[in-house]
C-alpha atoms as a PDB file:
ATOM      1  CA  MET A   1       6.530 155.325 -76.177  1.00  0.00           C
ATOM      2  CA  VAL A   2       5.270 153.444 -79.102  1.00  0.00           C
ATOM      3  CA  GLU A   3       6.917 150.085 -79.112  1.00  0.00           C
ATOM      4  CA  LYS A   4       4.826 148.409 -81.831  1.00  0.00           C
ATOM      5  CA  GLY A   5       2.025 149.926 -83.961  1.00  0.00           C
ATOM      6  CA  LYS A   6       0.542 153.266 -84.947  1.00  0.00           C
ATOM      7  CA  ILE A   7      -0.979 155.728 -82.562  1.00  0.00           C
ATOM      8  CA  LYS A   8      -3.140 158.874 -83.666  1.00  0.00           C
ATOM      9  CA  VAL A   9      -2.958 161.881 -81.384  1.00  0.00           C
ATOM     10  CA  PHE A  10      -6.064 164.191 -82.050  1.00  0.00           C
ATOM     11  CA  LYS A  11      -8.447 166.884 -80.830  1.00  0.00           C
ATOM     12  CA  LEU A  12     -12.370 166.666 -81.352  1.00  0.00           C
ATOM     13  CA  SER A  13     -14.432 169.994 -81.629  1.00  0.00           C
ATOM     14  CA  PHE A  14     -17.661 170.323 -79.897  1.00  0.00           C
ATOM     15  CA  GLU A  15     -19.461 169.242 -83.192  1.00  0.00           C
ATOM     16  CA  GLY A  16     -17.463 166.137 -83.241  1.00  0.00           C
ATOM     17  CA  LYS A  17     -15.006 167.090 -86.028  1.00  0.00           C
ATOM     18  CA  GLU A  18     -11.668 165.471 -85.567  1.00  0.00           C
ATOM     19  CA  GLN A  19      -8.376 167.252 -86.142  1.00  0.00           C
ATOM     20  CA  ILE A  20      -5.409 164.900 -86.230  1.00  0.00           C
ATOM     21  CA  LEU A  21      -2.264 166.384 -84.509  1.00  0.00           C
ATOM     22  CA  HIS A  22       0.171 163.651 -84.843  1.00  0.00           C
ATOM     23  CA  ILE A  23       0.525 159.970 -85.944  1.00  0.00           C
ATOM     24  CA  TYR A  24       3.310 158.173 -84.284  1.00  0.00           C
ATOM     25  CA  GLY A  25       5.056 154.943 -85.013  1.00  0.00           C
ATOM     26  CA  PRO A  26       7.616 152.754 -83.288  1.00  0.00           C
ATOM     27  CA  GLY A  27      10.273 154.815 -81.171  1.00  0.00           C
ATOM     28  CA  HIS A  28       8.107 157.855 -80.712  1.00  0.00           C
ATOM     29  CA  THR A  29       7.057 159.359 -77.408  1.00  0.00           C
ATOM     30  CA  PHE A  30       3.716 160.960 -76.482  1.00  0.00           C
ATOM     31  CA  GLY A  31       1.933 162.193 -73.685  1.00  0.00           C
ATOM     32  CA  GLU A  32       4.748 164.072 -72.143  1.00  0.00           C
ATOM     33  CA  VAL A  33       2.889 167.168 -71.131  1.00  0.00           C
ATOM     34  CA  PRO A  34       1.635 165.539 -67.759  1.00  0.00           C
ATOM     35  CA  VAL A  35       5.303 164.760 -66.895  1.00  0.00           C
ATOM     36  CA  PHE A  36       6.528 168.289 -67.326  1.00  0.00           C
ATOM     37  CA  GLU A  37       3.202 170.258 -66.442  1.00  0.00           C
ATOM     38  CA  GLY A  38       1.540 167.933 -64.021  1.00  0.00           C
ATOM     39  CA  LYS A  39      -1.663 168.487 -65.794  1.00  0.00           C
ATOM     40  CA  ASN A  40      -3.890 166.140 -68.017  1.00  0.00           C
ATOM     41  CA  PHE A  41      -2.647 165.423 -71.562  1.00  0.00           C
ATOM     42  CA  PRO A  42      -4.218 168.167 -73.678  1.00  0.00           C
ATOM     43  CA  ALA A  43      -5.367 165.712 -76.681  1.00  0.00           C
ATOM     44  CA  SER A  44      -6.806 162.391 -76.949  1.00  0.00           C
ATOM     45  CA  SER A  45      -4.817 159.329 -78.435  1.00  0.00           C
ATOM     46  CA  MET A  46      -6.072 156.167 -80.112  1.00  0.00           C
ATOM     47  CA  ALA A  47      -4.284 153.094 -81.820  1.00  0.00           C
ATOM     48  CA  LEU A  48      -4.711 152.940 -85.433  1.00  0.00           C
ATOM     49  CA  GLU A  49      -3.740 149.317 -85.505  1.00  0.00           C
ATOM     50  CA  LYS A  50      -2.767 146.580 -82.852  1.00  0.00           C
ATOM     51  CA  SER A  51      -0.034 148.465 -80.760  1.00  0.00           C
ATOM     52  CA  VAL A  52       2.234 148.153 -77.905  1.00  0.00           C
ATOM     53  CA  ILE A  53       2.722 151.117 -75.631  1.00  0.00           C
ATOM     54  CA  ILE A  54       5.426 151.435 -72.928  1.00  0.00           C
ATOM     55  CA  PHE A  55       4.291 153.451 -69.952  1.00  0.00           C
ATOM     56  CA  LEU A  56       6.583 155.177 -67.463  1.00  0.00           C
ATOM     57  CA  PRO A  57       5.154 156.617 -64.355  1.00  0.00           C
ATOM     58  CA  ARG A  58       5.974 160.177 -63.686  1.00  0.00           C
ATOM     59  CA  ASP A  59       8.273 159.898 -60.860  1.00  0.00           C
ATOM     60  CA  LYS A  60      10.239 157.210 -62.746  1.00  0.00           C
ATOM     61  CA  PHE A  61      10.444 159.164 -65.921  1.00  0.00           C
ATOM     62  CA  VAL A  62      11.646 162.368 -64.118  1.00  0.00           C
ATOM     63  CA  ASN A  63      14.224 160.182 -62.125  1.00  0.00           C
ATOM     64  CA  LEU A  64      15.287 158.731 -65.532  1.00  0.00           C
ATOM     65  CA  ILE A  65      15.941 162.204 -67.009  1.00  0.00           C
ATOM     66  CA  THR A  66      17.531 163.514 -63.832  1.00  0.00           C
ATOM     67  CA  THR A  67      20.163 160.661 -63.616  1.00  0.00           C
ATOM     68  CA  THR A  68      20.748 160.594 -67.462  1.00  0.00           C
ATOM     69  CA  PRO A  69      21.293 164.299 -68.822  1.00  0.00           C
ATOM     70  CA  GLY A  70      21.784 162.962 -72.430  1.00  0.00           C
ATOM     71  CA  LEU A  71      18.193 161.541 -72.475  1.00  0.00           C
ATOM     72  CA  GLY A  72      16.945 164.924 -71.476  1.00  0.00           C
ATOM     73  CA  MET A  73      18.785 166.561 -74.302  1.00  0.00           C
ATOM     74  CA  LEU A  74      17.228 164.015 -76.716  1.00  0.00           C
ATOM     75  CA  LEU A  75      13.788 164.475 -75.292  1.00  0.00           C
ATOM     76  CA  LEU A  76      14.288 168.348 -75.781  1.00  0.00           C
ATOM     77  CA  ALA A  77      15.473 167.676 -79.316  1.00  0.00           C
ATOM     78  CA  ASP A  78      12.293 165.776 -80.084  1.00  0.00           C
ATOM     79  CA  LEU A  79       9.945 168.232 -78.352  1.00  0.00           C
ATOM     80  CA  SER A  80      11.513 171.122 -80.304  1.00  0.00           C
ATOM     81  CA  LYS A  81      11.066 169.234 -83.616  1.00  0.00           C
ATOM     82  CA  ARG A  82       7.377 168.913 -82.718  1.00  0.00           C
ATOM     83  CA  LEU A  83       7.189 172.418 -81.946  1.00  0.00           C
ATOM     84  CA  ARG A  84       8.572 173.218 -85.510  1.00  0.00           C
ATOM     85  CA  ASP A  85       6.181 170.736 -86.953  1.00  0.00           C
ATOM     86  CA  PHE A  86       3.151 172.208 -85.122  1.00  0.00           C
ATOM     87  CA  THR A  87       4.308 175.799 -86.413  1.00  0.00           C
ATOM     88  CA  MET A  88       4.320 174.326 -89.997  1.00  0.00           C
ATOM     89  CA  GLN A  89       1.031 172.733 -89.279  1.00  0.00           C
ATOM     90  CA  ILE A  90      -0.642 175.719 -88.039  1.00  0.00           C
ATOM     91  CA  GLU A  91       0.825 177.647 -91.037  1.00  0.00           C
ATOM     92  CA  ASN A  92      -0.484 175.210 -93.389  1.00  0.00           C
ATOM     93  CA  LEU A  93      -3.968 174.826 -92.028  1.00  0.00           C
ATOM     94  CA  SER A  94      -4.472 178.697 -91.767  1.00  0.00           C
ATOM     95  CA  LEU A  95      -2.563 180.153 -94.472  1.00  0.00           C
ATOM     96  CA  LYS A  96      -2.335 177.561 -97.380  1.00  0.00           C
ATOM     97  CA  GLU A  97      -5.076 176.215 -99.870  1.00  0.00           C
ATOM     98  CA  VAL A  98      -5.570 172.468 -99.483  1.00  0.00           C
ATOM     99  CA  PRO A  99      -3.568 171.580-102.607  1.00  0.00           C
ATOM    100  CA  ALA A 100      -0.443 173.166-101.007  1.00  0.00           C
ATOM    101  CA  ARG A 101      -1.309 171.164 -97.881  1.00  0.00           C
ATOM    102  CA  LEU A 102      -1.698 167.903 -99.538  1.00  0.00           C
ATOM    103  CA  ALA A 103       1.595 168.537-101.630  1.00  0.00           C
ATOM    104  CA  ALA A 104       3.327 169.491 -98.341  1.00  0.00           C
ATOM    105  CA  TYR A 105       2.266 166.180 -96.754  1.00  0.00           C
ATOM    106  CA  ILE A 106       3.469 164.234 -99.775  1.00  0.00           C
ATOM    107  CA  LEU A 107       6.737 165.838 -99.535  1.00  0.00           C
ATOM    108  CA  THR A 108       7.062 165.410 -95.769  1.00  0.00           C
ATOM    109  CA  LEU A 109       6.345 161.603 -96.321  1.00  0.00           C
ATOM    110  CA  SER A 110       9.146 161.617 -99.066  1.00  0.00           C
ATOM    111  CA  LYS A 111      11.848 163.111 -96.402  1.00  0.00           C
ATOM    112  CA  GLU A 112      10.531 160.728 -93.607  1.00  0.00           C
ATOM    113  CA  GLN A 113      10.502 157.750 -95.835  1.00  0.00           C
ATOM    114  CA  LYS A 114      13.862 158.863 -97.636  1.00  0.00           C
ATOM    115  CA  ASN A 115      12.369 158.377-101.067  1.00  0.00           C
ATOM    116  CA  ASP A 116      11.931 161.137-103.805  1.00  0.00           C
ATOM    117  CA  LYS A 117      10.163 158.595-106.190  1.00  0.00           C
ATOM    118  CA  GLN A 118       7.381 157.022-104.354  1.00  0.00           C
ATOM    119  CA  VAL A 119       5.836 157.120-100.644  1.00  0.00           C
ATOM    120  CA  ILE A 120       3.494 155.031 -98.801  1.00  0.00           C
ATOM    121  CA  LEU A 121       0.595 156.621 -97.209  1.00  0.00           C
ATOM    122  CA  PRO A 122       0.673 155.448 -93.808  1.00  0.00           C
ATOM    123  CA  ILE A 123      -2.906 156.358 -93.074  1.00  0.00           C
ATOM    124  CA  SER A 124      -6.290 156.091 -94.613  1.00  0.00           C
ATOM    125  CA  LYS A 125      -7.562 158.921 -96.961  1.00  0.00           C
ATOM    126  CA  ALA A 126     -10.134 159.658 -94.538  1.00  0.00           C
ATOM    127  CA  GLN A 127      -7.427 160.155 -91.644  1.00  0.00           C
ATOM    128  CA  LEU A 128      -5.353 162.126 -94.314  1.00  0.00           C
ATOM    129  CA  SER A 129      -8.262 164.547 -94.804  1.00  0.00           C
ATOM    130  CA  ASN A 130      -8.638 165.002 -90.932  1.00  0.00           C
ATOM    131  CA  LEU A 131      -4.854 165.744 -90.882  1.00  0.00           C
ATOM    132  CA  ILE A 132      -4.719 168.350 -93.510  1.00  0.00           C
ATOM    133  CA  GLY A 133      -8.207 169.829 -92.450  1.00  0.00           C
ATOM    134  CA  THR A 134     -10.478 169.106 -95.301  1.00  0.00           C
ATOM    135  CA  THR A 135     -12.949 166.249 -96.467  1.00  0.00           C
ATOM    136  CA  PRO A 136     -12.124 162.822 -97.852  1.00  0.00           C
ATOM    137  CA  GLU A 137     -13.998 164.019-101.179  1.00  0.00           C
ATOM    138  CA  THR A 138     -11.621 166.955-101.388  1.00  0.00           C
ATOM    139  CA  VAL A 139      -8.585 164.806-100.842  1.00  0.00           C
ATOM    140  CA  SER A 140      -9.754 162.668-103.787  1.00  0.00           C
ATOM    141  CA  ARG A 141     -10.619 165.371-106.102  1.00  0.00           C
ATOM    142  CA  ILE A 142      -7.238 167.089-105.568  1.00  0.00           C
ATOM    143  CA  PHE A 143      -5.362 163.619-106.037  1.00  0.00           C
ATOM    144  CA  LYS A 144      -7.234 163.437-109.291  1.00  0.00           C
ATOM    145  CA  LYS A 145      -6.211 166.929-110.300  1.00  0.00           C
ATOM    146  CA  MET A 146      -2.641 166.274-109.177  1.00  0.00           C
ATOM    147  CA  MET A 147      -2.503 163.080-111.348  1.00  0.00           C
ATOM    148  CA  ALA A 148      -4.090 165.018-114.446  1.00  0.00           C
ATOM    149  CA  SER A 149      -1.271 167.591-113.944  1.00  0.00           C
ATOM    150  CA  SER A 150       1.315 164.874-113.831  1.00  0.00           C
ATOM    151  CA  TYR A 151       2.690 165.599-110.494  1.00  0.00           C
ATOM    152  CA  ILE A 152       1.842 162.192-108.944  1.00  0.00           C
ATOM    153  CA  LYS A 153       0.257 158.667-109.692  1.00  0.00           C
ATOM    154  CA  VAL A 154      -1.623 157.125-107.026  1.00  0.00           C
ATOM    155  CA  GLN A 155      -2.204 153.368-106.778  1.00  0.00           C
ATOM    156  CA  THR A 156      -4.183 152.522-103.377  1.00  0.00           C
ATOM    157  CA  LYS A 157      -1.731 153.526-100.547  1.00  0.00           C
ATOM    158  CA  THR A 158       1.423 154.064-102.889  1.00  0.00           C
ATOM    159  CA  ILE A 159       1.905 157.467-104.377  1.00  0.00           C
ATOM    160  CA  PHE A 160       4.377 157.726-107.256  1.00  0.00           C
ATOM    161  CA  ILE A 161       5.963 161.153-107.340  1.00  0.00           C
ATOM    162  CA  LYS A 162       6.392 162.018-111.111  1.00  0.00           C
ATOM    163  CA  ASP A 163       7.345 165.669-110.777  1.00  0.00           C
ATOM    164  CA  LEU A 164       9.099 166.527-107.487  1.00  0.00           C
ATOM    165  CA  GLU A 165       9.930 170.123-108.296  1.00  0.00           C
ATOM    166  CA  GLY A 166       6.344 170.615-109.404  1.00  0.00           C
ATOM    167  CA  LEU A 167       5.126 169.305-106.056  1.00  0.00           C
ATOM    168  CA  LEU A 168       7.548 171.794-104.161  1.00  0.00           C
ATOM    169  CA  GLU A 169       6.144 174.647-106.082  1.00  0.00           C
ATOM    170  CA  LEU A 170       2.562 173.399-105.491  1.00  0.00           C
ATOM    171  CA  SER A 171       3.326 173.127-101.623  1.00  0.00           C
ATOM    172  CA  ASP A 172       4.323 176.928-101.849  1.00  0.00           C
ATOM    173  CA  SER A 173       1.654 178.404-104.407  1.00  0.00           C
ATOM    174  CA  GLY A 174      -1.210 176.003-103.871  1.00  0.00           C
ATOM    175  CA  SER A 175      -2.414 176.573-107.372  1.00  0.00           C
ATOM    176  CA  LEU A 176      -3.408 173.632-109.399  1.00  0.00           C
ATOM    177  CA  SER A 177      -4.509 174.149-112.881  1.00  0.00           C
END
């Protein structure tokens, strides 16, 4: 569990291309696969900033879940949400164009940060490009087009949402004029 900081969970291709699967902050768990399946964690993880991680050995974790059924239900709910997020990520990466993926990510941040006027990018633009499956140059180019179309305004890591409805439409259609 992440107590403090930010953890990136990712996969690397044989060619060294990185695909970010998740970025977790305080309160989020990761690495549960070995607990339930008894096999190695199927991805890699790395701290993006100074972090504190709480590690529970498998036997103690299983005992905790067994003796605290409510905890097991919370964990199932969290794993179900992640499965839903993965389904959306696969859909976005395989079926949507990059502008739609970027718009969808901004909208996800808006929900997470509970702010439909502005969001703070929690990661670098290079990490963002890995997360949505493109290059940093493409992210910059699409940000410029989204600003020219008055969907957003970008200042460093702050994205001001100027047209929420337009972003919603873009996340579905992927069409940037």
